[in-house]
Amino acid sequence: MKRNINRGTVEKLFKAVLSLENMEECYLFFEDICTINELNSLAQRFDVGTRLLDGQTYQTISEATSASTATISRVGRLLGDGREGIEMAAARIKEQEKKEADHDDA
């Protein structure tokens, strides 16, 4: 599948995201560049992807996220195409949460 991405502007956006230092800066930035619906859609797709990676069923995911089966299927196809972005980010979040939990237990 050929990706139709304008590398110059997308790279500039990615650099801006990578420059953000904390959650508050993320909120400020994304609220400026996305509508609430766009931001919620991105978040929902990521949530769907992580749930698919955890082995949840479409029905369970739909009930938990209110995502349509079409959205779940679309995200599932992307995961099945060997794309690793969601999986990579989800693994890093789990590792960070584990470190934070271990730190809290100490």
PDB file of N, CA and C in Angstrom:
ATOM      1  N   MET A   1       0.846  -1.176   0.000  1.00  0.00           N
ATOM      2  CA  MET A   1       0.000   0.000   0.000  1.00  0.00           C
ATOM      3  C   MET A   1       0.893   1.242   0.000  1.00  0.00           C
ATOM      4  N   LYS A   2       0.692   2.128  -0.927  1.00  0.00           N
ATOM      5  CA  LYS A   2       1.467   3.353  -1.017  1.00  0.00           C
ATOM      6  C   LYS A   2       0.881   4.396  -0.068  1.00  0.00           C
ATOM      7  N   ARG A   3       1.732   4.976   0.722  1.00  0.00           N
ATOM      8  CA  ARG A   3       1.290   6.015   1.643  1.00  0.00           C
ATOM      9  C   ARG A   3       1.435   7.366   0.967  1.00  0.00           C
ATOM     10  N   ASN A   4       0.387   8.142   0.997  1.00  0.00           N
ATOM     11  CA  ASN A   4       0.384   9.459   0.373  1.00  0.00           C
ATOM     12  C   ASN A   4       0.561  10.513   1.464  1.00  0.00           C
ATOM     13  N   ILE A   5       1.813  10.688   1.883  1.00  0.00           N
ATOM     14  CA  ILE A   5       2.117  11.613   2.968  1.00  0.00           C
ATOM     15  C   ILE A   5       3.036  12.703   2.438  1.00  0.00           C
ATOM     16  N   ASN A   6       2.682  13.951   2.744  1.00  0.00           N
ATOM     17  CA  ASN A   6       3.535  15.079   2.416  1.00  0.00           C
ATOM     18  C   ASN A   6       4.652  15.112   3.453  1.00  0.00           C
ATOM     19  N   ARG A   7       5.787  14.571   3.103  1.00  0.00           N
ATOM     20  CA  ARG A   7       6.882  14.388   4.064  1.00  0.00           C
ATOM     21  C   ARG A   7       7.299  15.687   4.753  1.00  0.00           C
ATOM     22  N   GLY A   8       7.388  16.770   4.028  1.00  0.00           N
ATOM     23  CA  GLY A   8       7.861  18.030   4.626  1.00  0.00           C
ATOM     24  C   GLY A   8       6.972  18.509   5.748  1.00  0.00           C
ATOM     25  N   THR A   9       5.687  18.623   5.494  1.00  0.00           N
ATOM     26  CA  THR A   9       4.784  19.134   6.527  1.00  0.00           C
ATOM     27  C   THR A   9       4.555  18.112   7.627  1.00  0.00           C
ATOM     28  N   VAL A  10       4.541  16.837   7.278  1.00  0.00           N
ATOM     29  CA  VAL A  10       4.349  15.800   8.295  1.00  0.00           C
ATOM     30  C   VAL A  10       5.570  15.743   9.215  1.00  0.00           C
ATOM     31  N   GLU A  11       6.741  15.825   8.655  1.00  0.00           N
ATOM     32  CA  GLU A  11       7.944  15.813   9.494  1.00  0.00           C
ATOM     33  C   GLU A  11       7.978  17.023  10.417  1.00  0.00           C
ATOM     34  N   LYS A  12       7.526  18.160   9.938  1.00  0.00           N
ATOM     35  CA  LYS A  12       7.470  19.351  10.781  1.00  0.00           C
ATOM     36  C   LYS A  12       6.497  19.120  11.945  1.00  0.00           C
ATOM     37  N   LEU A  13       5.359  18.507  11.658  1.00  0.00           N
ATOM     38  CA  LEU A  13       4.394  18.175  12.704  1.00  0.00           C
ATOM     39  C   LEU A  13       5.004  17.197  13.700  1.00  0.00           C
ATOM     40  N   PHE A  14       5.658  16.151  13.204  1.00  0.00           N
ATOM     41  CA  PHE A  14       6.266  15.155  14.093  1.00  0.00           C
ATOM     42  C   PHE A  14       7.340  15.797  14.978  1.00  0.00           C
ATOM     43  N   LYS A  15       8.121  16.698  14.414  1.00  0.00           N
ATOM     44  CA  LYS A  15       9.132  17.397  15.212  1.00  0.00           C
ATOM     45  C   LYS A  15       8.464  18.213  16.319  1.00  0.00           C
ATOM     46  N   ALA A  16       7.348  18.831  15.989  1.00  0.00           N
ATOM     47  CA  ALA A  16       6.622  19.603  17.000  1.00  0.00           C
ATOM     48  C   ALA A  16       6.136  18.682  18.123  1.00  0.00           C
ATOM     49  N   VAL A  17       5.595  17.524  17.761  1.00  0.00           N
ATOM     50  CA  VAL A  17       5.117  16.570  18.772  1.00  0.00           C
ATOM     51  C   VAL A  17       6.280  16.098  19.638  1.00  0.00           C
ATOM     52  N   LEU A  18       7.396  15.770  19.014  1.00  0.00           N
ATOM     53  CA  LEU A  18       8.561  15.302  19.763  1.00  0.00           C
ATOM     54  C   LEU A  18       9.147  16.380  20.673  1.00  0.00           C
ATOM     55  N   SER A  19       8.858  17.641  20.392  1.00  0.00           N
ATOM     56  CA  SER A  19       9.377  18.724  21.226  1.00  0.00           C
ATOM     57  C   SER A  19       8.563  18.922  22.502  1.00  0.00           C
ATOM     58  N   LEU A  20       7.380  18.325  22.568  1.00  0.00           N
ATOM     59  CA  LEU A  20       6.528  18.496  23.745  1.00  0.00           C
ATOM     60  C   LEU A  20       7.135  17.769  24.932  1.00  0.00           C
ATOM     61  N   GLU A  21       7.098  18.421  26.087  1.00  0.00           N
ATOM     62  CA  GLU A  21       7.817  17.892  27.241  1.00  0.00           C
ATOM     63  C   GLU A  21       6.952  17.231  28.300  1.00  0.00           C
ATOM     64  N   ASN A  22       5.643  17.465  28.278  1.00  0.00           N
ATOM     65  CA  ASN A  22       4.801  16.866  29.308  1.00  0.00           C
ATOM     66  C   ASN A  22       3.351  16.806  28.822  1.00  0.00           C
ATOM     67  N   MET A  23       2.518  16.214  29.654  1.00  0.00           N
ATOM     68  CA  MET A  23       1.115  16.012  29.285  1.00  0.00           C
ATOM     69  C   MET A  23       0.397  17.345  29.055  1.00  0.00           C
ATOM     70  N   GLU A  24       0.662  18.325  29.895  1.00  0.00           N
ATOM     71  CA  GLU A  24       0.005  19.631  29.749  1.00  0.00           C
ATOM     72  C   GLU A  24       0.352  20.253  28.401  1.00  0.00           C
ATOM     73  N   GLU A  25       1.608  20.159  27.985  1.00  0.00           N
ATOM     74  CA  GLU A  25       1.998  20.682  26.677  1.00  0.00           C
ATOM     75  C   GLU A  25       1.298  19.922  25.557  1.00  0.00           C
ATOM     76  N   CYS A  26       1.112  18.620  25.732  1.00  0.00           N
ATOM     77  CA  CYS A  26       0.383  17.833  24.733  1.00  0.00           C
ATOM     78  C   CYS A  26      -1.045  18.325  24.599  1.00  0.00           C
ATOM     79  N   TYR A  27      -1.697  18.529  25.733  1.00  0.00           N
ATOM     80  CA  TYR A  27      -3.073  19.042  25.681  1.00  0.00           C
ATOM     81  C   TYR A  27      -3.129  20.386  24.971  1.00  0.00           C
ATOM     82  N   LEU A  28      -2.233  21.296  25.342  1.00  0.00           N
ATOM     83  CA  LEU A  28      -2.223  22.622  24.718  1.00  0.00           C
ATOM     84  C   LEU A  28      -2.029  22.520  23.205  1.00  0.00           C
ATOM     85  N   PHE A  29      -1.069  21.728  22.793  1.00  0.00           N
ATOM     86  CA  PHE A  29      -0.744  21.600  21.375  1.00  0.00           C
ATOM     87  C   PHE A  29      -1.893  20.970  20.588  1.00  0.00           C
ATOM     88  N   PHE A  30      -2.350  19.803  21.046  1.00  0.00           N
ATOM     89  CA  PHE A  30      -3.375  19.089  20.277  1.00  0.00           C
ATOM     90  C   PHE A  30      -4.720  19.801  20.290  1.00  0.00           C
ATOM     91  N   GLU A  31      -5.029  20.515  21.363  1.00  0.00           N
ATOM     92  CA  GLU A  31      -6.264  21.299  21.366  1.00  0.00           C
ATOM     93  C   GLU A  31      -6.182  22.453  20.368  1.00  0.00           C
ATOM     94  N   ASP A  32      -4.978  22.913  20.075  1.00  0.00           N
ATOM     95  CA  ASP A  32      -4.795  23.978  19.088  1.00  0.00           C
ATOM     96  C   ASP A  32      -4.892  23.468  17.653  1.00  0.00           C
ATOM     97  N   ILE A  33      -4.431  22.249  17.390  1.00  0.00           N
ATOM     98  CA  ILE A  33      -4.376  21.804  15.999  1.00  0.00           C
ATOM     99  C   ILE A  33      -5.478  20.831  15.604  1.00  0.00           C
ATOM    100  N   CYS A  34      -6.199  20.300  16.578  1.00  0.00           N
ATOM    101  CA  CYS A  34      -7.263  19.333  16.276  1.00  0.00           C
ATOM    102  C   CYS A  34      -8.598  19.838  16.822  1.00  0.00           C
ATOM    103  N   THR A  35      -9.654  19.472  16.140  1.00  0.00           N
ATOM    104  CA  THR A  35     -10.965  19.676  16.745  1.00  0.00           C
ATOM    105  C   THR A  35     -11.109  18.615  17.836  1.00  0.00           C
ATOM    106  N   ILE A  36     -12.052  18.809  18.716  1.00  0.00           N
ATOM    107  CA  ILE A  36     -12.290  17.819  19.761  1.00  0.00           C
ATOM    108  C   ILE A  36     -12.647  16.474  19.138  1.00  0.00           C
ATOM    109  N   ASN A  37     -13.452  16.489  18.082  1.00  0.00           N
ATOM    110  CA  ASN A  37     -13.825  15.240  17.417  1.00  0.00           C
ATOM    111  C   ASN A  37     -12.618  14.543  16.797  1.00  0.00           C
ATOM    112  N   GLU A  38     -11.718  15.305  16.171  1.00  0.00           N
ATOM    113  CA  GLU A  38     -10.513  14.706  15.580  1.00  0.00           C
ATOM    114  C   GLU A  38      -9.643  14.076  16.655  1.00  0.00           C
ATOM    115  N   LEU A  39      -9.455  14.794  17.734  1.00  0.00           N
ATOM    116  CA  LEU A  39      -8.626  14.286  18.822  1.00  0.00           C
ATOM    117  C   LEU A  39      -9.248  13.045  19.450  1.00  0.00           C
ATOM    118  N   ASN A  40     -10.561  13.076  19.674  1.00  0.00           N
ATOM    119  CA  ASN A  40     -11.244  11.909  20.226  1.00  0.00           C
ATOM    120  C   ASN A  40     -11.181  10.719  19.268  1.00  0.00           C
ATOM    121  N   SER A  41     -11.254  10.973  17.957  1.00  0.00           N
ATOM    122  CA  SER A  41     -11.154   9.889  16.978  1.00  0.00           C
ATOM    123  C   SER A  41      -9.772   9.250  16.995  1.00  0.00           C
ATOM    124  N   LEU A  42      -8.733  10.072  17.072  1.00  0.00           N
ATOM    125  CA  LEU A  42      -7.368   9.541  17.161  1.00  0.00           C
ATOM    126  C   LEU A  42      -7.205   8.706  18.428  1.00  0.00           C
ATOM    127  N   ALA A  43      -7.689   9.238  19.538  1.00  0.00           N
ATOM    128  CA  ALA A  43      -7.580   8.525  20.811  1.00  0.00           C
ATOM    129  C   ALA A  43      -8.359   7.212  20.766  1.00  0.00           C
ATOM    130  N   GLN A  44      -9.534   7.245  20.156  1.00  0.00           N
ATOM    131  CA  GLN A  44     -10.346   6.034  20.064  1.00  0.00           C
ATOM    132  C   GLN A  44      -9.639   4.975  19.222  1.00  0.00           C
ATOM    133  N   ARG A  45      -9.052   5.373  18.100  1.00  0.00           N
ATOM    134  CA  ARG A  45      -8.344   4.407  17.254  1.00  0.00           C
ATOM    135  C   ARG A  45      -7.168   3.782  17.991  1.00  0.00           C
ATOM    136  N   PHE A  46      -6.450   4.601  18.746  1.00  0.00           N
ATOM    137  CA  PHE A  46      -5.337   4.056  19.528  1.00  0.00           C
ATOM    138  C   PHE A  46      -5.861   3.083  20.583  1.00  0.00           C
ATOM    139  N   ASP A  47      -6.936   3.446  21.263  1.00  0.00           N
ATOM    140  CA  ASP A  47      -7.550   2.575  22.262  1.00  0.00           C
ATOM    141  C   ASP A  47      -7.992   1.263  21.627  1.00  0.00           C
ATOM    142  N   VAL A  48      -8.639   1.348  20.472  1.00  0.00           N
ATOM    143  CA  VAL A  48      -9.064   0.143  19.748  1.00  0.00           C
ATOM    144  C   VAL A  48      -7.854  -0.720  19.416  1.00  0.00           C
ATOM    145  N   GLY A  49      -6.799  -0.109  18.918  1.00  0.00           N
ATOM    146  CA  GLY A  49      -5.601  -0.861  18.552  1.00  0.00           C
ATOM    147  C   GLY A  49      -4.987  -1.582  19.735  1.00  0.00           C
ATOM    148  N   THR A  50      -4.906  -0.908  20.867  1.00  0.00           N
ATOM    149  CA  THR A  50      -4.317  -1.556  22.040  1.00  0.00           C
ATOM    150  C   THR A  50      -5.199  -2.696  22.530  1.00  0.00           C
ATOM    151  N   ARG A  51      -6.504  -2.533  22.418  1.00  0.00           N
ATOM    152  CA  ARG A  51      -7.419  -3.602  22.840  1.00  0.00           C
ATOM    153  C   ARG A  51      -7.326  -4.798  21.885  1.00  0.00           C
ATOM    154  N   LEU A  52      -7.181  -4.523  20.587  1.00  0.00           N
ATOM    155  CA  LEU A  52      -6.993  -5.613  19.631  1.00  0.00           C
ATOM    156  C   LEU A  52      -5.701  -6.367  19.932  1.00  0.00           C
ATOM    157  N   LEU A  53      -4.648  -5.635  20.225  1.00  0.00           N
ATOM    158  CA  LEU A  53      -3.368  -6.262  20.556  1.00  0.00           C
ATOM    159  C   LEU A  53      -3.478  -7.109  21.821  1.00  0.00           C
ATOM    160  N   ASP A  54      -4.364  -6.711  22.734  1.00  0.00           N
ATOM    161  CA  ASP A  54      -4.590  -7.481  23.958  1.00  0.00           C
ATOM    162  C   ASP A  54      -5.496  -8.682  23.726  1.00  0.00           C
ATOM    163  N   GLY A  55      -6.010  -8.831  22.495  1.00  0.00           N
ATOM    164  CA  GLY A  55      -6.824  -9.995  22.161  1.00  0.00           C
ATOM    165  C   GLY A  55      -8.311  -9.862  22.450  1.00  0.00           C
ATOM    166  N   GLN A  56      -8.774  -8.645  22.695  1.00  0.00           N
ATOM    167  CA  GLN A  56     -10.196  -8.455  22.956  1.00  0.00           C
ATOM    168  C   GLN A  56     -11.004  -8.651  21.675  1.00  0.00           C
ATOM    169  N   THR A  57     -12.248  -9.059  21.833  1.00  0.00           N
ATOM    170  CA  THR A  57     -13.127  -9.265  20.689  1.00  0.00           C
ATOM    171  C   THR A  57     -13.689  -7.940  20.200  1.00  0.00           C
ATOM    172  N   TYR A  58     -14.148  -7.945  18.947  1.00  0.00           N
ATOM    173  CA  TYR A  58     -14.756  -6.741  18.383  1.00  0.00           C
ATOM    174  C   TYR A  58     -15.919  -6.273  19.243  1.00  0.00           C
ATOM    175  N   GLN A  59     -16.741  -7.210  19.706  1.00  0.00           N
ATOM    176  CA  GLN A  59     -17.917  -6.846  20.499  1.00  0.00           C
ATOM    177  C   GLN A  59     -17.499  -6.181  21.812  1.00  0.00           C
ATOM    178  N   THR A  60     -16.524  -6.755  22.482  1.00  0.00           N
ATOM    179  CA  THR A  60     -16.036  -6.178  23.737  1.00  0.00           C
ATOM    180  C   THR A  60     -15.467  -4.789  23.504  1.00  0.00           C
ATOM    181  N   ILE A  61     -14.691  -4.645  22.436  1.00  0.00           N
ATOM    182  CA  ILE A  61     -14.086  -3.349  22.119  1.00  0.00           C
ATOM    183  C   ILE A  61     -15.163  -2.329  21.782  1.00  0.00           C
ATOM    184  N   SER A  62     -16.123  -2.721  20.990  1.00  0.00           N
ATOM    185  CA  SER A  62     -17.203  -1.811  20.611  1.00  0.00           C
ATOM    186  C   SER A  62     -17.968  -1.327  21.840  1.00  0.00           C
ATOM    187  N   GLU A  63     -18.262  -2.247  22.749  1.00  0.00           N
ATOM    188  CA  GLU A  63     -18.990  -1.881  23.967  1.00  0.00           C
ATOM    189  C   GLU A  63     -18.165  -0.951  24.857  1.00  0.00           C
ATOM    190  N   ALA A  64     -16.867  -1.192  24.946  1.00  0.00           N
ATOM    191  CA  ALA A  64     -16.004  -0.410  25.829  1.00  0.00           C
ATOM    192  C   ALA A  64     -15.654   0.964  25.265  1.00  0.00           C
ATOM    193  N   THR A  65     -15.563   1.061  23.929  1.00  0.00           N
ATOM    194  CA  THR A  65     -15.063   2.298  23.312  1.00  0.00           C
ATOM    195  C   THR A  65     -16.104   3.059  22.513  1.00  0.00           C
ATOM    196  N   SER A  66     -17.245   2.444  22.257  1.00  0.00           N
ATOM    197  CA  SER A  66     -18.278   2.992  21.378  1.00  0.00           C
ATOM    198  C   SER A  66     -17.817   3.094  19.928  1.00  0.00           C
ATOM    199  N   ALA A  67     -16.719   2.432  19.589  1.00  0.00           N
ATOM    200  CA  ALA A  67     -16.230   2.424  18.210  1.00  0.00           C
ATOM    201  C   ALA A  67     -17.123   1.521  17.369  1.00  0.00           C
ATOM    202  N   SER A  68     -17.326   1.915  16.136  1.00  0.00           N
ATOM    203  CA  SER A  68     -18.096   1.082  15.224  1.00  0.00           C
ATOM    204  C   SER A  68     -17.265  -0.133  14.831  1.00  0.00           C
ATOM    205  N   THR A  69     -17.952  -1.171  14.381  1.00  0.00           N
ATOM    206  CA  THR A  69     -17.215  -2.352  13.920  1.00  0.00           C
ATOM    207  C   THR A  69     -16.370  -1.999  12.695  1.00  0.00           C
ATOM    208  N   ALA A  70     -16.802  -1.007  11.917  1.00  0.00           N
ATOM    209  CA  ALA A  70     -16.001  -0.573  10.761  1.00  0.00           C
ATOM    210  C   ALA A  70     -14.670   0.019  11.220  1.00  0.00           C
ATOM    211  N   THR A  71     -14.709   0.832  12.266  1.00  0.00           N
ATOM    212  CA  THR A  71     -13.475   1.413  12.801  1.00  0.00           C
ATOM    213  C   THR A  71     -12.573   0.329  13.371  1.00  0.00           C
ATOM    214  N   ILE A  72     -13.166  -0.587  14.120  1.00  0.00           N
ATOM    215  CA  ILE A  72     -12.382  -1.677  14.707  1.00  0.00           C
ATOM    216  C   ILE A  72     -11.749  -2.519  13.607  1.00  0.00           C
ATOM    217  N   SER A  73     -12.509  -2.814  12.585  1.00  0.00           N
ATOM    218  CA  SER A  73     -12.006  -3.600  11.465  1.00  0.00           C
ATOM    219  C   SER A  73     -10.873  -2.866  10.744  1.00  0.00           C
ATOM    220  N   ARG A  74     -11.036  -1.564  10.539  1.00  0.00           N
ATOM    221  CA  ARG A  74     -10.008  -0.764   9.863  1.00  0.00           C
ATOM    222  C   ARG A  74      -8.704  -0.792  10.655  1.00  0.00           C
ATOM    223  N   VAL A  75      -8.797  -0.586  11.952  1.00  0.00           N
ATOM    224  CA  VAL A  75      -7.601  -0.623  12.791  1.00  0.00           C
ATOM    225  C   VAL A  75      -7.003  -2.031  12.777  1.00  0.00           C
ATOM    226  N   GLY A  76      -7.847  -3.044  12.824  1.00  0.00           N
ATOM    227  CA  GLY A  76      -7.375  -4.426  12.772  1.00  0.00           C
ATOM    228  C   GLY A  76      -6.630  -4.738  11.489  1.00  0.00           C
ATOM    229  N   ARG A  77      -7.145  -4.223  10.365  1.00  0.00           N
ATOM    230  CA  ARG A  77      -6.454  -4.427   9.079  1.00  0.00           C
ATOM    231  C   ARG A  77      -5.084  -3.762   9.093  1.00  0.00           C
ATOM    232  N   LEU A  78      -5.005  -2.559   9.658  1.00  0.00           N
ATOM    233  CA  LEU A  78      -3.714  -1.869   9.728  1.00  0.00           C
ATOM    234  C   LEU A  78      -2.726  -2.655  10.567  1.00  0.00           C
ATOM    235  N   LEU A  79      -3.196  -3.186  11.690  1.00  0.00           N
ATOM    236  CA  LEU A  79      -2.315  -4.009  12.533  1.00  0.00           C
ATOM    237  C   LEU A  79      -1.886  -5.265  11.784  1.00  0.00           C
ATOM    238  N   GLY A  80      -2.803  -5.832  10.998  1.00  0.00           N
ATOM    239  CA  GLY A  80      -2.514  -7.038  10.239  1.00  0.00           C
ATOM    240  C   GLY A  80      -1.590  -6.813   9.060  1.00  0.00           C
ATOM    241  N   ASP A  81      -1.444  -5.563   8.638  1.00  0.00           N
ATOM    242  CA  ASP A  81      -0.567  -5.238   7.515  1.00  0.00           C
ATOM    243  C   ASP A  81       0.893  -5.109   7.935  1.00  0.00           C
ATOM    244  N   GLY A  82       1.177  -5.470   9.169  1.00  0.00           N
ATOM    245  CA  GLY A  82       2.558  -5.421   9.640  1.00  0.00           C
ATOM    246  C   GLY A  82       2.998  -4.062  10.132  1.00  0.00           C
ATOM    247  N   ARG A  83       2.077  -3.149  10.265  1.00  0.00           N
ATOM    248  CA  ARG A  83       2.439  -1.835  10.804  1.00  0.00           C
ATOM    249  C   ARG A  83       2.648  -1.981  12.307  1.00  0.00           C
ATOM    250  N   GLU A  84       3.648  -1.325  12.806  1.00  0.00           N
ATOM    251  CA  GLU A  84       4.053  -1.559  14.186  1.00  0.00           C
ATOM    252  C   GLU A  84       3.926  -0.344  15.091  1.00  0.00           C
ATOM    253  N   GLY A  85       3.401   0.757  14.592  1.00  0.00           N
ATOM    254  CA  GLY A  85       3.358   1.987  15.381  1.00  0.00           C
ATOM    255  C   GLY A  85       2.529   1.880  16.642  1.00  0.00           C
ATOM    256  N   ILE A  86       1.323   1.353  16.531  1.00  0.00           N
ATOM    257  CA  ILE A  86       0.462   1.232  17.703  1.00  0.00           C
ATOM    258  C   ILE A  86       1.082   0.261  18.697  1.00  0.00           C
ATOM    259  N   GLU A  87       1.561  -0.858  18.192  1.00  0.00           N
ATOM    260  CA  GLU A  87       2.157  -1.872  19.070  1.00  0.00           C
ATOM    261  C   GLU A  87       3.371  -1.312  19.809  1.00  0.00           C
ATOM    262  N   MET A  88       4.213  -0.575  19.104  1.00  0.00           N
ATOM    263  CA  MET A  88       5.407   0.010  19.709  1.00  0.00           C
ATOM    264  C   MET A  88       5.022   0.996  20.809  1.00  0.00           C
ATOM    265  N   ALA A  89       4.089   1.892  20.517  1.00  0.00           N
ATOM    266  CA  ALA A  89       3.673   2.890  21.504  1.00  0.00           C
ATOM    267  C   ALA A  89       2.994   2.229  22.698  1.00  0.00           C
ATOM    268  N   ALA A  90       2.134   1.252  22.434  1.00  0.00           N
ATOM    269  CA  ALA A  90       1.437   0.556  23.518  1.00  0.00           C
ATOM    270  C   ALA A  90       2.425  -0.155  24.435  1.00  0.00           C
ATOM    271  N   ALA A  91       3.438  -0.794  23.861  1.00  0.00           N
ATOM    272  CA  ALA A  91       4.446  -1.488  24.665  1.00  0.00           C
ATOM    273  C   ALA A  91       5.223  -0.498  25.529  1.00  0.00           C
ATOM    274  N   ARG A  92       5.535   0.654  24.983  1.00  0.00           N
ATOM    275  CA  ARG A  92       6.278   1.655  25.752  1.00  0.00           C
ATOM    276  C   ARG A  92       5.435   2.202  26.896  1.00  0.00           C
ATOM    277  N   ILE A  93       4.146   2.407  26.644  1.00  0.00           N
ATOM    278  CA  ILE A  93       3.254   2.893  27.700  1.00  0.00           C
ATOM    279  C   ILE A  93       3.151   1.854  28.814  1.00  0.00           C
ATOM    280  N   LYS A  94       2.985   0.580  28.441  1.00  0.00           N
ATOM    281  CA  LYS A  94       2.904  -0.480  29.454  1.00  0.00           C
ATOM    282  C   LYS A  94       4.175  -0.529  30.291  1.00  0.00           C
ATOM    283  N   GLU A  95       5.320  -0.406  29.643  1.00  0.00           N
ATOM    284  CA  GLU A  95       6.598  -0.427  30.363  1.00  0.00           C
ATOM    285  C   GLU A  95       6.698   0.752  31.321  1.00  0.00           C
ATOM    286  N   GLN A  96       6.287   1.930  30.877  1.00  0.00           N
ATOM    287  CA  GLN A  96       6.324   3.118  31.730  1.00  0.00           C
ATOM    288  C   GLN A  96       5.373   2.955  32.915  1.00  0.00           C
ATOM    289  N   GLU A  97       4.179   2.421  32.665  1.00  0.00           N
ATOM    290  CA  GLU A  97       3.211   2.210  33.747  1.00  0.00           C
ATOM    291  C   GLU A  97       3.740   1.188  34.751  1.00  0.00           C
ATOM    292  N   LYS A  98       4.439   0.157  34.250  1.00  0.00           N
ATOM    293  CA  LYS A  98       5.031  -0.850  35.135  1.00  0.00           C
ATOM    294  C   LYS A  98       6.099  -0.208  36.014  1.00  0.00           C
ATOM    295  N   LYS A  99       6.950   0.630  35.429  1.00  0.00           N
ATOM    296  CA  LYS A  99       7.983   1.303  36.199  1.00  0.00           C
ATOM    297  C   LYS A  99       7.372   2.196  37.267  1.00  0.00           C
ATOM    298  N   GLU A 100       6.305   2.918  36.902  1.00  0.00           N
ATOM    299  CA  GLU A 100       5.641   3.803  37.858  1.00  0.00           C
ATOM    300  C   GLU A 100       5.008   2.993  38.986  1.00  0.00           C
ATOM    301  N   ALA A 101       4.398   1.842  38.656  1.00  0.00           N
ATOM    302  CA  ALA A 101       3.790   0.986  39.678  1.00  0.00           C
ATOM    303  C   ALA A 101       4.860   0.409  40.595  1.00  0.00           C
ATOM    304  N   ASP A 102       5.989  -0.023  40.011  1.00  0.00           N
ATOM    305  CA  ASP A 102       7.086  -0.556  40.815  1.00  0.00           C
ATOM    306  C   ASP A 102       7.642   0.518  41.746  1.00  0.00           C
ATOM    307  N   HIS A 103       7.712   1.737  41.243  1.00  0.00           N
ATOM    308  CA  HIS A 103       8.225   2.854  42.046  1.00  0.00           C
ATOM    309  C   HIS A 103       7.272   3.163  43.202  1.00  0.00           C
ATOM    310  N   ASP A 104       5.959   3.099  42.922  1.00  0.00           N
ATOM    311  CA  ASP A 104       4.958   3.355  43.952  1.00  0.00           C
ATOM    312  C   ASP A 104       4.964   2.283  45.037  1.00  0.00           C
ATOM    313  N   ASP A 105       5.306   1.048  44.647  1.00  0.00           N
ATOM    314  CA  ASP A 105       5.345  -0.061  45.604  1.00  0.00           C
ATOM    315  C   ASP A 105       6.590  -0.021  46.490  1.00  0.00           C
ATOM    316  N   ALA A 106       7.598   0.693  46.039  1.00  0.00           N
ATOM    317  CA  ALA A 106       8.868   0.723  46.788  1.00  0.00           C
ATOM    318  C   ALA A 106       8.805   1.612  48.002  1.00  0.00           C
TER     319      ALA A 106
END
